[in-house]
Amino acid sequence: MKFCTLASGSSGNCTVVFHGNTYILIDAGISLRRICASLKGLKITPDMLDAVFITHSHSDHIGALRAAAESFRVPVFAPEGECGAIAAAAPEAEPFLNAFPAGSTFQLGDLEIASFRTPHDTPESVGYCVRAGGRAFALATDLGYLTNTVVDAVSGADAAVLESNHDLRMLKTGPYPRYLKQRILGPGGHLSNDDCGVLAAALAESGTKRILLAHLSRENNTPEAAYTTVCASLKARDCLPDRDISVCVAPRCVMSPVFDV
C-alpha cells in the first residue's frame, strides 16, 4: 500500500491511497486541476479512481468536490452528519454521496477503510484507517483534542498522517483575533505540535514506523517547529533514536513524496 498527500493545510487537503488495483482519495480540498495534475505525476488517471472519502464538510476538505464529482463520477463516502452541508456546498456531488455513521468500515476492492470519530466543530467529523496486504495506514487531522477513540483507532498503524497544526506560543502571540484563537485552542479546533507529539509517541510505542506531520498552520507554525517538537516528544519517551521511526512534514501546497506503508 502507498500514500501521498497532494496538499495539506488550511488552504486545502487531499491524500491519495492505493494498493493493487484500488485507488481512493481522502478529501478533495484543492482544485480539480491540481488534483488531476498531481495524479498524473503519479501515473494515476482519473478513471483509475474508485472512490472519494470525506473527513468533514469544511471547505479546505471539500472545496473541489463539486468539480471532482462531475469529473470522476465515483462514489463519495461521507459521515451522515456531514452530508447535508456537503450537498449544500457541492450539489453536483449529491447523486454520488454515500452516507455512513462514524465508525463504519468498508471493503472497497483491495482496501479496507475504517472510519473513526474525531473531535472537530462539525457534526460528524471522522478520520480513516486503511488496511491492505497486512499493513495499515491512518489519517487523523482536524482534532480539537486527543480522545481515546482517536488513539485506539490509529494505534498499531504502520504509517500515519497526524495533525500538527500550531505552535502554542506562535498562536497565542500571533495576529489572529481572540475568537479565532479560542476556536483553534478549543475542543472543536486543531491539534498543537505538543499534543501531536503525545499522539506520535503513543503510535511509536504501538509499532508505527512512519509519521507524516500534516495540516500545519501557515501563520501559527513552521515545519521546523512541528518537526522539532514532535521529535522531542519521541525522544522523551525513548522512541528515538533506538527505534526505526521516520518523521516528515507534509508540504502545504505541493505533493509529498510517495510513501510505502
C-alpha atoms as a PDB file:
ATOM      1  CA  MET A   1       0.000   0.000   0.000  1.00  0.00           C
ATOM      2  CA  LYS A   2       1.186   3.518  -0.812  1.00  0.00           C
ATOM      3  CA  PHE A   3       0.034   7.019   0.058  1.00  0.00           C
ATOM      4  CA  CYS A   4       0.841  10.604  -0.826  1.00  0.00           C
ATOM      5  CA  THR A   5      -0.557  13.929   0.358  1.00  0.00           C
ATOM      6  CA  LEU A   6      -1.360  16.120  -2.633  1.00  0.00           C
ATOM      7  CA  ALA A   7      -1.725  19.134  -0.306  1.00  0.00           C
ATOM      8  CA  SER A   8      -2.084  19.611   3.430  1.00  0.00           C
ATOM      9  CA  GLY A   9      -3.086  22.735   5.323  1.00  0.00           C
ATOM     10  CA  SER A  10      -5.863  25.219   5.937  1.00  0.00           C
ATOM     11  CA  SER A  11      -5.780  26.181   2.244  1.00  0.00           C
ATOM     12  CA  GLY A  12      -6.626  22.671   1.086  1.00  0.00           C
ATOM     13  CA  ASN A  13      -6.263  18.964   1.847  1.00  0.00           C
ATOM     14  CA  CYS A  14      -6.181  15.891  -0.359  1.00  0.00           C
ATOM     15  CA  THR A  15      -4.499  12.496   0.063  1.00  0.00           C
ATOM     16  CA  VAL A  16      -4.312   9.541  -2.297  1.00  0.00           C
ATOM     17  CA  VAL A  17      -4.037   5.961  -1.017  1.00  0.00           C
ATOM     18  CA  PHE A  18      -3.650   2.955  -3.288  1.00  0.00           C
ATOM     19  CA  HIS A  19      -2.883  -0.735  -3.303  1.00  0.00           C
ATOM     20  CA  GLY A  20      -3.218  -3.287  -6.069  1.00  0.00           C
ATOM     21  CA  ASN A  21      -5.939  -2.050  -8.385  1.00  0.00           C
ATOM     22  CA  THR A  22      -7.740   0.171  -5.876  1.00  0.00           C
ATOM     23  CA  TYR A  23      -7.226   3.938  -5.653  1.00  0.00           C
ATOM     24  CA  ILE A  24      -9.001   6.343  -3.312  1.00  0.00           C
ATOM     25  CA  LEU A  25      -8.818   9.998  -2.439  1.00  0.00           C
ATOM     26  CA  ILE A  26      -9.306  11.194   1.112  1.00  0.00           C
ATOM     27  CA  ASP A  27     -10.802  14.697   0.853  1.00  0.00           C
ATOM     28  CA  ALA A  28     -10.869  16.988  -2.165  1.00  0.00           C
ATOM     29  CA  GLY A  29      -9.986  20.407  -0.833  1.00  0.00           C
ATOM     30  CA  ILE A  30      -7.751  21.629  -3.664  1.00  0.00           C
ATOM     31  CA  SER A  31      -8.710  22.472  -7.226  1.00  0.00           C
ATOM     32  CA  LEU A  32      -9.612  19.730  -9.671  1.00  0.00           C
ATOM     33  CA  ARG A  33      -6.782  20.926 -11.891  1.00  0.00           C
ATOM     34  CA  ARG A  34      -4.253  20.413  -9.092  1.00  0.00           C
ATOM     35  CA  ILE A  35      -5.712  17.035  -8.168  1.00  0.00           C
ATOM     36  CA  CYS A  36      -5.510  15.792 -11.748  1.00  0.00           C
ATOM     37  CA  ALA A  37      -2.013  17.201 -12.285  1.00  0.00           C
ATOM     38  CA  SER A  38      -0.782  15.527  -9.100  1.00  0.00           C
ATOM     39  CA  LEU A  39      -2.370  12.218 -10.009  1.00  0.00           C
ATOM     40  CA  LYS A  40      -0.837  12.427 -13.483  1.00  0.00           C
ATOM     41  CA  GLY A  41       2.564  12.834 -11.828  1.00  0.00           C
ATOM     42  CA  LEU A  42       1.869   9.570 -10.004  1.00  0.00           C
ATOM     43  CA  LYS A  43       0.768   7.911 -13.266  1.00  0.00           C
ATOM     44  CA  ILE A  44      -2.783   7.662 -11.918  1.00  0.00           C
ATOM     45  CA  THR A  45      -5.507   8.579 -14.377  1.00  0.00           C
ATOM     46  CA  PRO A  46      -8.936   9.796 -13.175  1.00  0.00           C
ATOM     47  CA  ASP A  47     -10.611   6.631 -14.467  1.00  0.00           C
ATOM     48  CA  MET A  48      -8.455   4.597 -12.060  1.00  0.00           C
ATOM     49  CA  LEU A  49     -10.065   6.221  -9.003  1.00  0.00           C
ATOM     50  CA  ASP A  50     -12.575   4.074  -7.138  1.00  0.00           C
ATOM     51  CA  ALA A  51     -13.954   6.495  -4.532  1.00  0.00           C
ATOM     52  CA  VAL A  52     -13.526   9.714  -2.588  1.00  0.00           C
ATOM     53  CA  PHE A  53     -13.738   9.569   1.200  1.00  0.00           C
ATOM     54  CA  ILE A  54     -14.545  12.814   3.022  1.00  0.00           C
ATOM     55  CA  THR A  55     -13.477  13.575   6.587  1.00  0.00           C
ATOM     56  CA  HIS A  56     -15.824  16.535   7.125  1.00  0.00           C
ATOM     57  CA  SER A  57     -17.571  19.408   5.378  1.00  0.00           C
ATOM     58  CA  HIS A  58     -15.172  22.337   5.849  1.00  0.00           C
ATOM     59  CA  SER A  59     -14.152  23.960   2.580  1.00  0.00           C
ATOM     60  CA  ASP A  60     -10.475  23.053   2.863  1.00  0.00           C
ATOM     61  CA  HIS A  61     -11.596  19.405   2.627  1.00  0.00           C
ATOM     62  CA  ILE A  62     -14.417  19.600   0.051  1.00  0.00           C
ATOM     63  CA  GLY A  63     -13.581  22.724  -1.961  1.00  0.00           C
ATOM     64  CA  ALA A  64     -13.139  20.793  -5.222  1.00  0.00           C
ATOM     65  CA  LEU A  65     -15.833  18.189  -4.619  1.00  0.00           C
ATOM     66  CA  ARG A  66     -18.338  19.960  -6.892  1.00  0.00           C
ATOM     67  CA  ALA A  67     -15.991  19.639  -9.884  1.00  0.00           C
ATOM     68  CA  ALA A  68     -14.491  16.323  -8.808  1.00  0.00           C
ATOM     69  CA  ALA A  69     -17.868  14.611  -8.536  1.00  0.00           C
ATOM     70  CA  GLU A  70     -18.793  15.597 -12.095  1.00  0.00           C
ATOM     71  CA  SER A  71     -15.363  14.682 -13.432  1.00  0.00           C
ATOM     72  CA  PHE A  72     -14.609  11.437 -11.586  1.00  0.00           C
ATOM     73  CA  ARG A  73     -18.188  10.146 -11.217  1.00  0.00           C
ATOM     74  CA  VAL A  74     -17.221   7.741  -8.432  1.00  0.00           C
ATOM     75  CA  PRO A  75     -18.884   7.082  -5.062  1.00  0.00           C
ATOM     76  CA  VAL A  76     -18.298   9.775  -2.463  1.00  0.00           C
ATOM     77  CA  PHE A  77     -18.368   8.382   1.072  1.00  0.00           C
ATOM     78  CA  ALA A  78     -19.040  10.817   3.911  1.00  0.00           C
ATOM     79  CA  PRO A  79     -20.270  10.608   7.504  1.00  0.00           C
ATOM     80  CA  GLU A  80     -24.033  11.050   7.560  1.00  0.00           C
ATOM     81  CA  GLY A  81     -23.883  14.090   9.838  1.00  0.00           C
ATOM     82  CA  GLU A  82     -21.804  15.923   7.217  1.00  0.00           C
ATOM     83  CA  CYS A  83     -23.844  15.060   4.132  1.00  0.00           C
ATOM     84  CA  GLY A  84     -26.313  17.935   4.405  1.00  0.00           C
ATOM     85  CA  ALA A  85     -23.550  20.536   4.401  1.00  0.00           C
ATOM     86  CA  ILE A  86     -21.689  18.689   1.663  1.00  0.00           C
ATOM     87  CA  ALA A  87     -24.773  18.530  -0.574  1.00  0.00           C
ATOM     88  CA  ALA A  88     -25.437  22.233   0.008  1.00  0.00           C
ATOM     89  CA  ALA A  89     -21.863  23.196  -0.856  1.00  0.00           C
ATOM     90  CA  ALA A  90     -21.480  20.741  -3.745  1.00  0.00           C
ATOM     91  CA  PRO A  91     -24.940  19.800  -5.081  1.00  0.00           C
ATOM     92  CA  GLU A  92     -23.337  18.036  -8.046  1.00  0.00           C
ATOM     93  CA  ALA A  93     -21.895  15.521  -5.590  1.00  0.00           C
ATOM     94  CA  GLU A  94     -25.252  14.615  -4.043  1.00  0.00           C
ATOM     95  CA  PRO A  95     -26.086  11.818  -6.540  1.00  0.00           C
ATOM     96  CA  PHE A  96     -22.775  10.173  -5.655  1.00  0.00           C
ATOM     97  CA  LEU A  97     -22.996  10.628  -1.882  1.00  0.00           C
ATOM     98  CA  ASN A  98     -22.978   7.529   0.296  1.00  0.00           C
ATOM     99  CA  ALA A  99     -23.735   8.406   3.915  1.00  0.00           C
ATOM    100  CA  PHE A 100     -22.423   6.298   6.773  1.00  0.00           C
ATOM    101  CA  PRO A 101     -22.351   6.563  10.566  1.00  0.00           C
ATOM    102  CA  ALA A 102     -18.941   7.326  12.047  1.00  0.00           C
ATOM    103  CA  GLY A 103     -17.255   4.069  12.983  1.00  0.00           C
ATOM    104  CA  SER A 104     -18.321   2.264   9.796  1.00  0.00           C
ATOM    105  CA  THR A 105     -15.899   0.022   7.899  1.00  0.00           C
ATOM    106  CA  PHE A 106     -15.912  -0.607   4.140  1.00  0.00           C
ATOM    107  CA  GLN A 107     -14.297  -3.163   1.863  1.00  0.00           C
ATOM    108  CA  LEU A 108     -13.516  -1.475  -1.430  1.00  0.00           C
ATOM    109  CA  GLY A 109     -11.529  -3.605  -3.843  1.00  0.00           C
ATOM    110  CA  ASP A 110      -8.125  -4.241  -2.320  1.00  0.00           C
ATOM    111  CA  LEU A 111      -8.627  -1.771   0.542  1.00  0.00           C
ATOM    112  CA  GLU A 112     -10.434  -1.987   3.862  1.00  0.00           C
ATOM    113  CA  ILE A 113     -11.343   1.520   5.054  1.00  0.00           C
ATOM    114  CA  ALA A 114     -12.411   2.047   8.666  1.00  0.00           C
ATOM    115  CA  SER A 115     -13.736   5.400   9.857  1.00  0.00           C
ATOM    116  CA  PHE A 116     -13.479   6.770  13.383  1.00  0.00           C
ATOM    117  CA  ARG A 117     -14.967   9.825  15.065  1.00  0.00           C
ATOM    118  CA  THR A 118     -12.750  12.887  15.522  1.00  0.00           C
ATOM    119  CA  PRO A 119     -13.422  15.933  17.749  1.00  0.00           C
ATOM    120  CA  HIS A 120     -13.915  18.924  15.471  1.00  0.00           C
ATOM    121  CA  ASP A 121     -16.504  21.669  15.146  1.00  0.00           C
ATOM    122  CA  THR A 122     -18.645  19.953  12.532  1.00  0.00           C
ATOM    123  CA  PRO A 123     -21.490  17.491  13.157  1.00  0.00           C
ATOM    124  CA  GLU A 124     -19.656  14.201  12.482  1.00  0.00           C
ATOM    125  CA  SER A 125     -16.006  14.652  11.551  1.00  0.00           C
ATOM    126  CA  VAL A 126     -14.011  11.449  11.029  1.00  0.00           C
ATOM    127  CA  GLY A 127     -10.560  10.090  10.349  1.00  0.00           C
ATOM    128  CA  TYR A 128      -9.702   6.909   8.465  1.00  0.00           C
ATOM    129  CA  CYS A 129      -7.593   3.798   8.921  1.00  0.00           C
ATOM    130  CA  VAL A 130      -6.891   1.948   5.674  1.00  0.00           C
ATOM    131  CA  ARG A 131      -5.678  -1.663   5.618  1.00  0.00           C
ATOM    132  CA  ALA A 132      -4.272  -3.748   2.785  1.00  0.00           C
ATOM    133  CA  GLY A 133      -1.720  -6.500   2.405  1.00  0.00           C
ATOM    134  CA  GLY A 134      -1.361  -6.903   6.149  1.00  0.00           C
ATOM    135  CA  ARG A 135      -0.401  -3.232   6.585  1.00  0.00           C
ATOM    136  CA  ALA A 136      -2.287  -0.236   7.980  1.00  0.00           C
ATOM    137  CA  PHE A 137      -2.300   3.495   7.215  1.00  0.00           C
ATOM    138  CA  ALA A 138      -4.096   6.047   9.408  1.00  0.00           C
ATOM    139  CA  LEU A 139      -5.095   9.658   8.817  1.00  0.00           C
ATOM    140  CA  ALA A 140      -6.130  11.809  11.774  1.00  0.00           C
ATOM    141  CA  THR A 141      -6.362  15.580  11.293  1.00  0.00           C
ATOM    142  CA  ASP A 142      -8.658  18.388  12.469  1.00  0.00           C
ATOM    143  CA  LEU A 143      -8.553  17.258  16.092  1.00  0.00           C
ATOM    144  CA  GLY A 144      -9.620  19.611  18.849  1.00  0.00           C
ATOM    145  CA  TYR A 145      -8.020  17.288  21.386  1.00  0.00           C
ATOM    146  CA  LEU A 146      -6.876  13.700  21.767  1.00  0.00           C
ATOM    147  CA  THR A 147      -9.631  11.213  22.511  1.00  0.00           C
ATOM    148  CA  ASN A 148      -9.402   7.537  23.379  1.00  0.00           C
ATOM    149  CA  THR A 149     -11.335   6.823  20.181  1.00  0.00           C
ATOM    150  CA  VAL A 150      -8.683   8.501  18.037  1.00  0.00           C
ATOM    151  CA  VAL A 151      -5.727   6.964  19.883  1.00  0.00           C
ATOM    152  CA  ASP A 152      -7.246   3.483  19.746  1.00  0.00           C
ATOM    153  CA  ALA A 153      -8.137   3.825  16.051  1.00  0.00           C
ATOM    154  CA  VAL A 154      -4.666   4.837  14.893  1.00  0.00           C
ATOM    155  CA  SER A 155      -2.585   2.734  17.289  1.00  0.00           C
ATOM    156  CA  GLY A 156      -0.775  -0.066  15.526  1.00  0.00           C
ATOM    157  CA  ALA A 157      -0.822   1.637  12.131  1.00  0.00           C
ATOM    158  CA  ASP A 158       2.397   1.143  10.198  1.00  0.00           C
ATOM    159  CA  ALA A 159       2.228   4.733   8.899  1.00  0.00           C
ATOM    160  CA  ALA A 160       0.145   7.731   9.904  1.00  0.00           C
ATOM    161  CA  VAL A 161      -0.679  11.264   8.822  1.00  0.00           C
ATOM    162  CA  LEU A 162      -1.165  13.280  12.020  1.00  0.00           C
ATOM    163  CA  GLU A 163      -2.280  16.849  12.547  1.00  0.00           C
ATOM    164  CA  SER A 164       0.426  19.161  13.916  1.00  0.00           C
ATOM    165  CA  ASN A 165      -1.442  22.397  13.328  1.00  0.00           C
ATOM    166  CA  HIS A 166       0.091  25.071  15.535  1.00  0.00           C
ATOM    167  CA  ASP A 167       2.857  26.088  17.876  1.00  0.00           C
ATOM    168  CA  LEU A 168       1.159  27.233  21.080  1.00  0.00           C
ATOM    169  CA  ARG A 169       3.395  30.268  21.606  1.00  0.00           C
ATOM    170  CA  MET A 170       3.060  31.397  17.989  1.00  0.00           C
ATOM    171  CA  LEU A 171      -0.718  31.069  18.107  1.00  0.00           C
ATOM    172  CA  LYS A 172      -1.153  32.874  21.433  1.00  0.00           C
ATOM    173  CA  THR A 173       1.118  35.788  20.459  1.00  0.00           C
ATOM    174  CA  GLY A 174       0.186  35.858  16.781  1.00  0.00           C
ATOM    175  CA  PRO A 175      -2.133  38.103  14.734  1.00  0.00           C
ATOM    176  CA  TYR A 176      -5.305  36.020  14.865  1.00  0.00           C
ATOM    177  CA  PRO A 177      -8.306  37.663  16.583  1.00  0.00           C
ATOM    178  CA  ARG A 178      -9.209  36.377  20.022  1.00  0.00           C
ATOM    179  CA  TYR A 179     -12.301  34.446  18.889  1.00  0.00           C
ATOM    180  CA  LEU A 180     -10.281  32.530  16.273  1.00  0.00           C
ATOM    181  CA  LYS A 181      -7.532  31.681  18.750  1.00  0.00           C
ATOM    182  CA  GLN A 182     -10.170  30.376  21.140  1.00  0.00           C
ATOM    183  CA  ARG A 183     -11.723  28.274  18.393  1.00  0.00           C
ATOM    184  CA  ILE A 184      -8.396  26.706  17.419  1.00  0.00           C
ATOM    185  CA  LEU A 185      -7.496  26.011  21.054  1.00  0.00           C
ATOM    186  CA  GLY A 186     -10.974  24.716  21.893  1.00  0.00           C
ATOM    187  CA  PRO A 187     -12.292  21.130  21.896  1.00  0.00           C
ATOM    188  CA  GLY A 188     -13.530  21.505  18.307  1.00  0.00           C
ATOM    189  CA  GLY A 189     -10.381  23.128  16.988  1.00  0.00           C
ATOM    190  CA  HIS A 190      -6.976  21.882  15.919  1.00  0.00           C
ATOM    191  CA  LEU A 191      -4.133  19.887  17.439  1.00  0.00           C
ATOM    192  CA  SER A 192      -0.978  21.625  18.661  1.00  0.00           C
ATOM    193  CA  ASN A 193       2.552  20.413  17.996  1.00  0.00           C
ATOM    194  CA  ASP A 194       2.795  19.384  21.659  1.00  0.00           C
ATOM    195  CA  ASP A 195      -0.335  17.242  21.545  1.00  0.00           C
ATOM    196  CA  CYS A 196       0.730  15.791  18.211  1.00  0.00           C
ATOM    197  CA  GLY A 197       3.967  14.774  19.929  1.00  0.00           C
ATOM    198  CA  VAL A 198       1.965  12.909  22.562  1.00  0.00           C
ATOM    199  CA  LEU A 199      -0.011  11.104  19.859  1.00  0.00           C
ATOM    200  CA  ALA A 200       3.110  10.360  17.819  1.00  0.00           C
ATOM    201  CA  ALA A 201       4.822   8.828  20.852  1.00  0.00           C
ATOM    202  CA  ALA A 202       1.790   6.646  21.565  1.00  0.00           C
ATOM    203  CA  LEU A 203       1.831   5.450  17.965  1.00  0.00           C
ATOM    204  CA  ALA A 204       5.564   4.799  18.023  1.00  0.00           C
ATOM    205  CA  GLU A 205       5.121   2.659  21.121  1.00  0.00           C
ATOM    206  CA  SER A 206       2.382   0.728  19.296  1.00  0.00           C
ATOM    207  CA  GLY A 207       4.722  -0.049  16.388  1.00  0.00           C
ATOM    208  CA  THR A 208       4.221   2.843  13.944  1.00  0.00           C
ATOM    209  CA  LYS A 209       7.350   3.410  11.865  1.00  0.00           C
ATOM    210  CA  ARG A 210       6.439   6.365   9.616  1.00  0.00           C
ATOM    211  CA  ILE A 211       4.785   9.594  10.768  1.00  0.00           C
ATOM    212  CA  LEU A 212       3.865  12.451   8.434  1.00  0.00           C
ATOM    213  CA  LEU A 213       3.011  15.722  10.193  1.00  0.00           C
ATOM    214  CA  ALA A 214       0.136  17.482   8.457  1.00  0.00           C
ATOM    215  CA  HIS A 215      -2.324  20.380   8.381  1.00  0.00           C
ATOM    216  CA  LEU A 216       0.303  22.902   9.585  1.00  0.00           C
ATOM    217  CA  SER A 217      -0.900  26.474  10.011  1.00  0.00           C
ATOM    218  CA  ARG A 218       0.821  28.986   7.753  1.00  0.00           C
ATOM    219  CA  GLU A 219       0.553  31.768  10.358  1.00  0.00           C
ATOM    220  CA  ASN A 220       0.982  29.838  13.611  1.00  0.00           C
ATOM    221  CA  ASN A 221       3.548  27.148  12.846  1.00  0.00           C
ATOM    222  CA  THR A 222       6.612  26.248  10.839  1.00  0.00           C
ATOM    223  CA  PRO A 223       7.748  22.868   9.548  1.00  0.00           C
ATOM    224  CA  GLU A 224      10.843  23.199  11.750  1.00  0.00           C
ATOM    225  CA  ALA A 225       8.795  23.890  14.895  1.00  0.00           C
ATOM    226  CA  ALA A 226       6.450  20.968  14.257  1.00  0.00           C
ATOM    227  CA  TYR A 227       9.283  18.554  13.487  1.00  0.00           C
ATOM    228  CA  THR A 228      11.401  19.632  16.458  1.00  0.00           C
ATOM    229  CA  THR A 229       8.531  19.438  18.950  1.00  0.00           C
ATOM    230  CA  VAL A 230       7.321  16.019  17.813  1.00  0.00           C
ATOM    231  CA  CYS A 231      10.833  14.563  17.709  1.00  0.00           C
ATOM    232  CA  ALA A 232      11.476  15.899  21.219  1.00  0.00           C
ATOM    233  CA  SER A 233       8.371  14.087  22.421  1.00  0.00           C
ATOM    234  CA  LEU A 234       9.518  10.874  20.763  1.00  0.00           C
ATOM    235  CA  LYS A 235      12.973  11.186  22.343  1.00  0.00           C
ATOM    236  CA  ALA A 236      11.467  11.869  25.761  1.00  0.00           C
ATOM    237  CA  ARG A 237       9.579   8.578  25.507  1.00  0.00           C
ATOM    238  CA  ASP A 238      12.724   6.766  24.325  1.00  0.00           C
ATOM    239  CA  CYS A 239      11.215   6.253  20.875  1.00  0.00           C
ATOM    240  CA  LEU A 240      14.220   7.897  19.186  1.00  0.00           C
ATOM    241  CA  PRO A 241      16.856   7.051  18.130  1.00  0.00           C
ATOM    242  CA  ASP A 242      16.602   3.385  19.146  1.00  0.00           C
ATOM    243  CA  ARG A 243      13.513   2.622  17.085  1.00  0.00           C
ATOM    244  CA  ASP A 244      13.450   2.823  13.313  1.00  0.00           C
ATOM    245  CA  ILE A 245      10.962   5.703  13.096  1.00  0.00           C
ATOM    246  CA  SER A 246      10.773   8.254  10.297  1.00  0.00           C
ATOM    247  CA  VAL A 247       9.196  11.680  10.913  1.00  0.00           C
ATOM    248  CA  CYS A 248       8.480  14.021   7.974  1.00  0.00           C
ATOM    249  CA  VAL A 249       6.393  17.137   7.382  1.00  0.00           C
ATOM    250  CA  ALA A 250       3.742  17.220   4.649  1.00  0.00           C
ATOM    251  CA  PRO A 251       4.129  20.191   2.271  1.00  0.00           C
ATOM    252  CA  ARG A 252       1.316  22.711   2.263  1.00  0.00           C
ATOM    253  CA  CYS A 253       0.784  23.325  -1.438  1.00  0.00           C
ATOM    254  CA  VAL A 254       2.672  20.574  -3.264  1.00  0.00           C
ATOM    255  CA  MET A 255       2.779  16.807  -3.180  1.00  0.00           C
ATOM    256  CA  SER A 256       4.638  14.882  -0.540  1.00  0.00           C
ATOM    257  CA  PRO A 257       6.872  12.001  -1.579  1.00  0.00           C
ATOM    258  CA  VAL A 258       5.072   8.708  -2.173  1.00  0.00           C
ATOM    259  CA  PHE A 259       5.399   6.579   0.936  1.00  0.00           C
ATOM    260  CA  ASP A 260       5.280   2.798   1.124  1.00  0.00           C
ATOM    261  CA  VAL A 261       3.351   1.600   4.130  1.00  0.00           C
END
